[in-house]
Full PDB file with SEQRES, HELIX, SHEET, SSBOND, CRYST1, ORIGX, SCALE, CONECT and MASTER records, all heavy atoms in Angstrom:
SEQRES   1 A   29  SER ASP ASP ILE ALA GLU VAL LEU SER SER ASP THR LEU          
SEQRES   2 A   29  PHE SER VAL VAL ALA GLN ALA SER SER GLY PHE ASP ALA          
SEQRES   3 A   29  VAL LYS LEU                                                  
HELIX    1 AA1 ASP A    2  SER A    9  1                                   8    
HELIX    2 AA2 GLY A   23  LYS A   28  1                                   6    
CRYST1    1.000    1.000    1.000  90.00  90.00  90.00 P 1           1          
ORIGX1      1.000000  0.000000  0.000000        0.00000                         
ORIGX2      0.000000  1.000000  0.000000        0.00000                         
ORIGX3      0.000000  0.000000  1.000000        0.00000                         
SCALE1      1.000000  0.000000  0.000000        0.00000                         
SCALE2      0.000000  1.000000  0.000000        0.00000                         
SCALE3      0.000000  0.000000  1.000000        0.00000                         
ATOM      1  N   SER A   1     216.066 115.456 -79.663  1.00  0.00           N  
ATOM      2  CA  SER A   1     216.841 114.678 -80.614  1.00  0.00           C  
ATOM      3  C   SER A   1     217.980 113.938 -79.923  1.00  0.00           C  
ATOM      4  O   SER A   1     218.205 112.743 -80.161  1.00  0.00           O  
ATOM      5  CB  SER A   1     217.390 115.608 -81.704  1.00  0.00           C  
ATOM      6  OG  SER A   1     218.094 114.884 -82.670  1.00  0.00           O  
ATOM      7  N   ASP A   2     218.694 114.631 -79.050  1.00  0.00           N  
ATOM      8  CA  ASP A   2     219.800 114.009 -78.318  1.00  0.00           C  
ATOM      9  C   ASP A   2     219.316 112.904 -77.387  1.00  0.00           C  
ATOM     10  O   ASP A   2     219.971 111.858 -77.269  1.00  0.00           O  
ATOM     11  CB  ASP A   2     220.576 115.056 -77.520  1.00  0.00           C  
ATOM     12  CG  ASP A   2     221.389 115.993 -78.389  1.00  0.00           C  
ATOM     13  OD1 ASP A   2     221.619 115.681 -79.585  1.00  0.00           O  
ATOM     14  OD2 ASP A   2     221.807 117.051 -77.874  1.00  0.00           O  
ATOM     15  N   ASP A   3     218.187 113.120 -76.723  1.00  0.00           N  
ATOM     16  CA  ASP A   3     217.642 112.098 -75.826  1.00  0.00           C  
ATOM     17  C   ASP A   3     217.250 110.834 -76.592  1.00  0.00           C  
ATOM     18  O   ASP A   3     217.539 109.717 -76.158  1.00  0.00           O  
ATOM     19  CB  ASP A   3     216.434 112.624 -75.050  1.00  0.00           C  
ATOM     20  CG  ASP A   3     216.802 113.580 -73.936  1.00  0.00           C  
ATOM     21  OD1 ASP A   3     218.000 113.702 -73.604  1.00  0.00           O  
ATOM     22  OD2 ASP A   3     215.877 114.210 -73.373  1.00  0.00           O  
ATOM     23  N   ILE A   4     216.603 111.012 -77.724  1.00  0.00           N  
ATOM     24  CA  ILE A   4     216.222 109.859 -78.550  1.00  0.00           C  
ATOM     25  C   ILE A   4     217.479 109.139 -79.038  1.00  0.00           C  
ATOM     26  O   ILE A   4     217.554 107.905 -79.003  1.00  0.00           O  
ATOM     27  CB  ILE A   4     215.333 110.293 -79.727  1.00  0.00           C  
ATOM     28  CG1 ILE A   4     213.990 110.802 -79.214  1.00  0.00           C  
ATOM     29  CG2 ILE A   4     215.131 109.127 -80.706  1.00  0.00           C  
ATOM     30  CD1 ILE A   4     213.139 111.487 -80.275  1.00  0.00           C  
ATOM     31  N   ALA A   5     218.454 109.896 -79.481  1.00  0.00           N  
ATOM     32  CA  ALA A   5     219.715 109.302 -79.954  1.00  0.00           C  
ATOM     33  C   ALA A   5     220.387 108.507 -78.838  1.00  0.00           C  
ATOM     34  O   ALA A   5     220.915 107.409 -79.079  1.00  0.00           O  
ATOM     35  CB  ALA A   5     220.642 110.387 -80.480  1.00  0.00           C  
ATOM     36  N   GLU A   6     220.374 109.045 -77.648  1.00  0.00           N  
ATOM     37  CA  GLU A   6     221.002 108.359 -76.511  1.00  0.00           C  
ATOM     38  C   GLU A   6     220.308 107.025 -76.215  1.00  0.00           C  
ATOM     39  O   GLU A   6     220.965 106.007 -75.998  1.00  0.00           O  
ATOM     40  CB  GLU A   6     220.967 109.254 -75.280  1.00  0.00           C  
ATOM     41  CG  GLU A   6     221.679 108.671 -74.081  1.00  0.00           C  
ATOM     42  CD  GLU A   6     221.680 109.603 -72.878  1.00  0.00           C  
ATOM     43  OE1 GLU A   6     221.518 110.829 -73.058  1.00  0.00           O  
ATOM     44  OE2 GLU A   6     221.836 109.096 -71.760  1.00  0.00           O  
ATOM     45  N   VAL A   7     218.976 107.042 -76.219  1.00  0.00           N  
ATOM     46  CA  VAL A   7     218.224 105.817 -75.953  1.00  0.00           C  
ATOM     47  C   VAL A   7     218.500 104.781 -77.047  1.00  0.00           C  
ATOM     48  O   VAL A   7     218.772 103.610 -76.756  1.00  0.00           O  
ATOM     49  CB  VAL A   7     216.709 106.106 -75.841  1.00  0.00           C  
ATOM     50  CG1 VAL A   7     215.905 104.818 -75.828  1.00  0.00           C  
ATOM     51  CG2 VAL A   7     216.421 106.935 -74.601  1.00  0.00           C  
ATOM     52  N   LEU A   8     218.424 105.203 -78.298  1.00  0.00           N  
ATOM     53  CA  LEU A   8     218.653 104.260 -79.390  1.00  0.00           C  
ATOM     54  C   LEU A   8     220.084 103.734 -79.402  1.00  0.00           C  
ATOM     55  O   LEU A   8     220.315 102.553 -79.669  1.00  0.00           O  
ATOM     56  CB  LEU A   8     218.322 104.918 -80.735  1.00  0.00           C  
ATOM     57  CG  LEU A   8     216.846 105.190 -81.005  1.00  0.00           C  
ATOM     58  CD1 LEU A   8     216.680 105.935 -82.317  1.00  0.00           C  
ATOM     59  CD2 LEU A   8     216.052 103.897 -81.015  1.00  0.00           C  
ATOM     60  N   SER A   9     221.040 104.595 -79.119  1.00  0.00           N  
ATOM     61  CA  SER A   9     222.446 104.192 -79.133  1.00  0.00           C  
ATOM     62  C   SER A   9     222.787 103.210 -78.012  1.00  0.00           C  
ATOM     63  O   SER A   9     223.787 102.500 -78.099  1.00  0.00           O  
ATOM     64  CB  SER A   9     223.352 105.419 -79.035  1.00  0.00           C  
ATOM     65  OG  SER A   9     223.191 106.219 -80.180  1.00  0.00           O  
ATOM     66  N   SER A  10     221.962 103.159 -76.990  1.00  0.00           N  
ATOM     67  CA  SER A  10     222.213 102.222 -75.891  1.00  0.00           C  
ATOM     68  C   SER A  10     221.836 100.786 -76.278  1.00  0.00           C  
ATOM     69  O   SER A  10     222.151  99.848 -75.562  1.00  0.00           O  
ATOM     70  CB  SER A  10     221.462 102.645 -74.634  1.00  0.00           C  
ATOM     71  OG  SER A  10     220.070 102.466 -74.803  1.00  0.00           O  
ATOM     72  N   ASP A  11     221.151 100.620 -77.402  1.00  0.00           N  
ATOM     73  CA  ASP A  11     220.755  99.311 -77.894  1.00  0.00           C  
ATOM     74  C   ASP A  11     221.612  98.981 -79.119  1.00  0.00           C  
ATOM     75  O   ASP A  11     221.643  99.746 -80.081  1.00  0.00           O  
ATOM     76  CB  ASP A  11     219.275  99.336 -78.274  1.00  0.00           C  
ATOM     77  CG  ASP A  11     218.712  97.977 -78.627  1.00  0.00           C  
ATOM     78  OD1 ASP A  11     219.459  97.132 -79.169  1.00  0.00           O  
ATOM     79  OD2 ASP A  11     217.524  97.753 -78.366  1.00  0.00           O  
ATOM     80  N   THR A  12     222.285  97.860 -79.096  1.00  0.00           N  
ATOM     81  CA  THR A  12     223.188  97.504 -80.194  1.00  0.00           C  
ATOM     82  C   THR A  12     222.458  97.232 -81.509  1.00  0.00           C  
ATOM     83  O   THR A  12     223.093  97.141 -82.553  1.00  0.00           O  
ATOM     84  CB  THR A  12     224.037  96.275 -79.825  1.00  0.00           C  
ATOM     85  OG1 THR A  12     223.159  95.180 -79.514  1.00  0.00           O  
ATOM     86  CG2 THR A  12     224.926  96.569 -78.631  1.00  0.00           C  
ATOM     87  N   LEU A  13     221.139  97.135 -81.474  1.00  0.00           N  
ATOM     88  CA  LEU A  13     220.360  96.920 -82.689  1.00  0.00           C  
ATOM     89  C   LEU A  13     220.316  98.174 -83.568  1.00  0.00           C  
ATOM     90  O   LEU A  13     220.136  98.086 -84.779  1.00  0.00           O  
ATOM     91  CB  LEU A  13     218.936  96.486 -82.325  1.00  0.00           C  
ATOM     92  CG  LEU A  13     217.967  96.169 -83.452  1.00  0.00           C  
ATOM     93  CD1 LEU A  13     218.478  95.003 -84.292  1.00  0.00           C  
ATOM     94  CD2 LEU A  13     216.597  95.844 -82.894  1.00  0.00           C  
ATOM     95  N   PHE A  14     220.501  99.353 -82.946  1.00  0.00           N  
ATOM     96  CA  PHE A  14     220.364 100.617 -83.666  1.00  0.00           C  
ATOM     97  C   PHE A  14     221.690 101.365 -83.776  1.00  0.00           C  
ATOM     98  O   PHE A  14     222.517 101.320 -82.872  1.00  0.00           O  
ATOM     99  CB  PHE A  14     219.355 101.534 -82.965  1.00  0.00           C  
ATOM    100  CG  PHE A  14     217.976 100.952 -82.895  1.00  0.00           C  
ATOM    101  CD1 PHE A  14     217.515 100.374 -81.729  1.00  0.00           C  
ATOM    102  CD2 PHE A  14     217.141 100.977 -83.995  1.00  0.00           C  
ATOM    103  CE1 PHE A  14     216.245  99.829 -81.652  1.00  0.00           C  
ATOM    104  CE2 PHE A  14     215.870 100.439 -83.935  1.00  0.00           C  
ATOM    105  CZ  PHE A  14     215.426  99.858 -82.762  1.00  0.00           C  
ATOM    106  N   SER A  15     221.819 102.090 -84.875  1.00  0.00           N  
ATOM    107  CA  SER A  15     222.954 102.995 -85.073  1.00  0.00           C  
ATOM    108  C   SER A  15     222.390 104.327 -85.565  1.00  0.00           C  
ATOM    109  O   SER A  15     221.786 104.385 -86.647  1.00  0.00           O  
ATOM    110  CB  SER A  15     223.910 102.418 -86.113  1.00  0.00           C  
ATOM    111  OG  SER A  15     224.895 103.359 -86.454  1.00  0.00           O  
ATOM    112  N   VAL A  16     222.549 105.376 -84.783  1.00  0.00           N  
ATOM    113  CA  VAL A  16     222.079 106.696 -85.201  1.00  0.00           C  
ATOM    114  C   VAL A  16     223.132 107.263 -86.164  1.00  0.00           C  
ATOM    115  O   VAL A  16     224.247 107.559 -85.765  1.00  0.00           O  
ATOM    116  CB  VAL A  16     221.858 107.625 -83.991  1.00  0.00           C  
ATOM    117  CG1 VAL A  16     221.444 109.016 -84.465  1.00  0.00           C  
ATOM    118  CG2 VAL A  16     220.806 107.042 -83.058  1.00  0.00           C  
ATOM    119  N   VAL A  17     222.754 107.373 -87.434  1.00  0.00           N  
ATOM    120  CA  VAL A  17     223.702 107.808 -88.458  1.00  0.00           C  
ATOM    121  C   VAL A  17     223.682 109.307 -88.688  1.00  0.00           C  
ATOM    122  O   VAL A  17     224.632 109.864 -89.246  1.00  0.00           O  
ATOM    123  CB  VAL A  17     223.483 107.061 -89.797  1.00  0.00           C  
ATOM    124  CG1 VAL A  17     223.788 105.579 -89.633  1.00  0.00           C  
ATOM    125  CG2 VAL A  17     222.077 107.271 -90.332  1.00  0.00           C  
ATOM    126  N   ALA A  18     222.591 109.988 -88.262  1.00  0.00           N  
ATOM    127  CA  ALA A  18     222.522 111.438 -88.460  1.00  0.00           C  
ATOM    128  C   ALA A  18     221.379 112.025 -87.633  1.00  0.00           C  
ATOM    129  O   ALA A  18     220.423 111.335 -87.288  1.00  0.00           O  
ATOM    130  CB  ALA A  18     222.306 111.773 -89.931  1.00  0.00           C  
ATOM    131  N   GLN A  19     221.524 113.317 -87.332  1.00  0.00           N  
ATOM    132  CA  GLN A  19     220.482 114.081 -86.657  1.00  0.00           C  
ATOM    133  C   GLN A  19     220.293 115.379 -87.432  1.00  0.00           C  
ATOM    134  O   GLN A  19     221.255 116.075 -87.740  1.00  0.00           O  
ATOM    135  CB  GLN A  19     220.884 114.390 -85.221  1.00  0.00           C  
ATOM    136  CG  GLN A  19     220.902 113.170 -84.317  1.00  0.00           C  
ATOM    137  CD  GLN A  19     221.361 113.505 -82.913  1.00  0.00           C  
ATOM    138  OE1 GLN A  19     222.492 113.187 -82.558  1.00  0.00           O  
ATOM    139  NE2 GLN A  19     220.504 114.146 -82.140  1.00  0.00           N  
ATOM    140  N   ALA A  20     219.036 115.683 -87.752  1.00  0.00           N  
ATOM    141  CA  ALA A  20     218.699 116.885 -88.512  1.00  0.00           C  
ATOM    142  C   ALA A  20     217.809 117.789 -87.672  1.00  0.00           C  
ATOM    143  O   ALA A  20     217.028 117.320 -86.860  1.00  0.00           O  
ATOM    144  CB  ALA A  20     217.971 116.501 -89.798  1.00  0.00           C  
ATOM    145  N   SER A  21     217.934 119.098 -87.897  1.00  0.00           N  
ATOM    146  CA  SER A  21     217.116 120.048 -87.143  1.00  0.00           C  
ATOM    147  C   SER A  21     216.080 120.756 -88.023  1.00  0.00           C  
ATOM    148  O   SER A  21     215.386 121.648 -87.565  1.00  0.00           O  
ATOM    149  CB  SER A  21     218.009 121.082 -86.462  1.00  0.00           C  
ATOM    150  OG  SER A  21     218.754 121.789 -87.426  1.00  0.00           O  
ATOM    151  N   SER A  22     215.989 120.337 -89.288  1.00  0.00           N  
ATOM    152  CA  SER A  22     214.995 120.914 -90.200  1.00  0.00           C  
ATOM    153  C   SER A  22     214.630 119.875 -91.251  1.00  0.00           C  
ATOM    154  O   SER A  22     215.353 118.885 -91.448  1.00  0.00           O  
ATOM    155  CB  SER A  22     215.550 122.162 -90.893  1.00  0.00           C  
ATOM    156  OG  SER A  22     216.556 121.803 -91.821  1.00  0.00           O  
ATOM    157  N   GLY A  23     213.528 120.113 -91.919  1.00  0.00           N  
ATOM    158  CA  GLY A  23     213.125 119.227 -93.001  1.00  0.00           C  
ATOM    159  C   GLY A  23     214.152 119.222 -94.125  1.00  0.00           C  
ATOM    160  O   GLY A  23     214.472 118.174 -94.683  1.00  0.00           O  
ATOM    161  N   PHE A  24     214.669 120.385 -94.448  1.00  0.00           N  
ATOM    162  CA  PHE A  24     215.691 120.499 -95.491  1.00  0.00           C  
ATOM    163  C   PHE A  24     216.905 119.653 -95.151  1.00  0.00           C  
ATOM    164  O   PHE A  24     217.402 118.882 -95.971  1.00  0.00           O  
ATOM    165  CB  PHE A  24     216.089 121.979 -95.671  1.00  0.00           C  
ATOM    166  CG  PHE A  24     217.202 122.173 -96.658  1.00  0.00           C  
ATOM    167  CD1 PHE A  24     216.955 122.150 -98.021  1.00  0.00           C  
ATOM    168  CD2 PHE A  24     218.506 122.380 -96.220  1.00  0.00           C  
ATOM    169  CE1 PHE A  24     217.988 122.322 -98.937  1.00  0.00           C  
ATOM    170  CE2 PHE A  24     219.540 122.551 -97.122  1.00  0.00           C  
ATOM    171  CZ  PHE A  24     219.284 122.518 -98.483  1.00  0.00           C  
ATOM    172  N   ASP A  25     217.397 119.778 -93.902  1.00  0.00           N  
ATOM    173  CA  ASP A  25     218.554 118.994 -93.469  1.00  0.00           C  
ATOM    174  C   ASP A  25     218.242 117.500 -93.448  1.00  0.00           C  
ATOM    175  O   ASP A  25     219.100 116.677 -93.770  1.00  0.00           O  
ATOM    176  CB  ASP A  25     219.022 119.429 -92.081  1.00  0.00           C  
ATOM    177  CG  ASP A  25     219.724 120.778 -92.093  1.00  0.00           C  
ATOM    178  OD1 ASP A  25     220.149 121.243 -93.174  1.00  0.00           O  
ATOM    179  OD2 ASP A  25     219.830 121.387 -91.006  1.00  0.00           O  
ATOM    180  N   ALA A  26     217.029 117.141 -93.081  1.00  0.00           N  
ATOM    181  CA  ALA A  26     216.641 115.731 -93.042  1.00  0.00           C  
ATOM    182  C   ALA A  26     216.742 115.092 -94.425  1.00  0.00           C  
ATOM    183  O   ALA A  26     217.260 113.984 -94.567  1.00  0.00           O  
ATOM    184  CB  ALA A  26     215.226 115.583 -92.486  1.00  0.00           C  
ATOM    185  N   VAL A  27     216.261 115.796 -95.433  1.00  0.00           N  
ATOM    186  CA  VAL A  27     216.338 115.278 -96.800  1.00  0.00           C  
ATOM    187  C   VAL A  27     217.799 115.137 -97.229  1.00  0.00           C  
ATOM    188  O   VAL A  27     218.204 114.098 -97.770  1.00  0.00           O  
ATOM    189  CB  VAL A  27     215.555 116.186 -97.779  1.00  0.00           C  
ATOM    190  CG1 VAL A  27     215.808 115.790 -99.222  1.00  0.00           C  
ATOM    191  CG2 VAL A  27     214.071 116.154 -97.460  1.00  0.00           C  
ATOM    192  N   LYS A  28     218.588 116.165 -96.973  1.00  0.00           N  
ATOM    193  CA  LYS A  28     220.005 116.143 -97.350  1.00  0.00           C  
ATOM    194  C   LYS A  28     220.739 114.993 -96.649  1.00  0.00           C  
ATOM    195  O   LYS A  28     221.490 114.243 -97.284  1.00  0.00           O  
ATOM    196  CB  LYS A  28     220.635 117.489 -97.000  1.00  0.00           C  
ATOM    197  CG  LYS A  28     222.072 117.651 -97.430  1.00  0.00           C  
ATOM    198  CD  LYS A  28     222.568 119.076 -97.248  1.00  0.00           C  
ATOM    199  CE  LYS A  28     222.674 119.395 -95.771  1.00  0.00           C  
ATOM    200  NZ  LYS A  28     223.340 120.673 -95.507  1.00  0.00           N  
ATOM    201  N   LEU A  29     220.501 114.834 -95.351  1.00  0.00           N  
ATOM    202  CA  LEU A  29     221.183 113.789 -94.590  1.00  0.00           C  
ATOM    203  C   LEU A  29     220.670 112.393 -94.939  1.00  0.00           C  
ATOM    204  O   LEU A  29     221.432 111.424 -94.902  1.00  0.00           O  
ATOM    205  CB  LEU A  29     221.054 114.058 -93.092  1.00  0.00           C  
ATOM    206  CG  LEU A  29     221.847 115.258 -92.584  1.00  0.00           C  
ATOM    207  CD1 LEU A  29     221.446 115.612 -91.156  1.00  0.00           C  
ATOM    208  CD2 LEU A  29     223.339 114.979 -92.662  1.00  0.00           C  
TER     209      LEU A  29                                                      
MASTER        0    0    0    2    0    0    0    6  208    1    0    3          
END                                                                             
């Protein structure tokens, strides 16, 4: 998750707004 966030954050086109570690957290976030 952190590696993907780092790659995406290096491109100004993307903004990582949240990271979830479970399906439940993903829905909530």
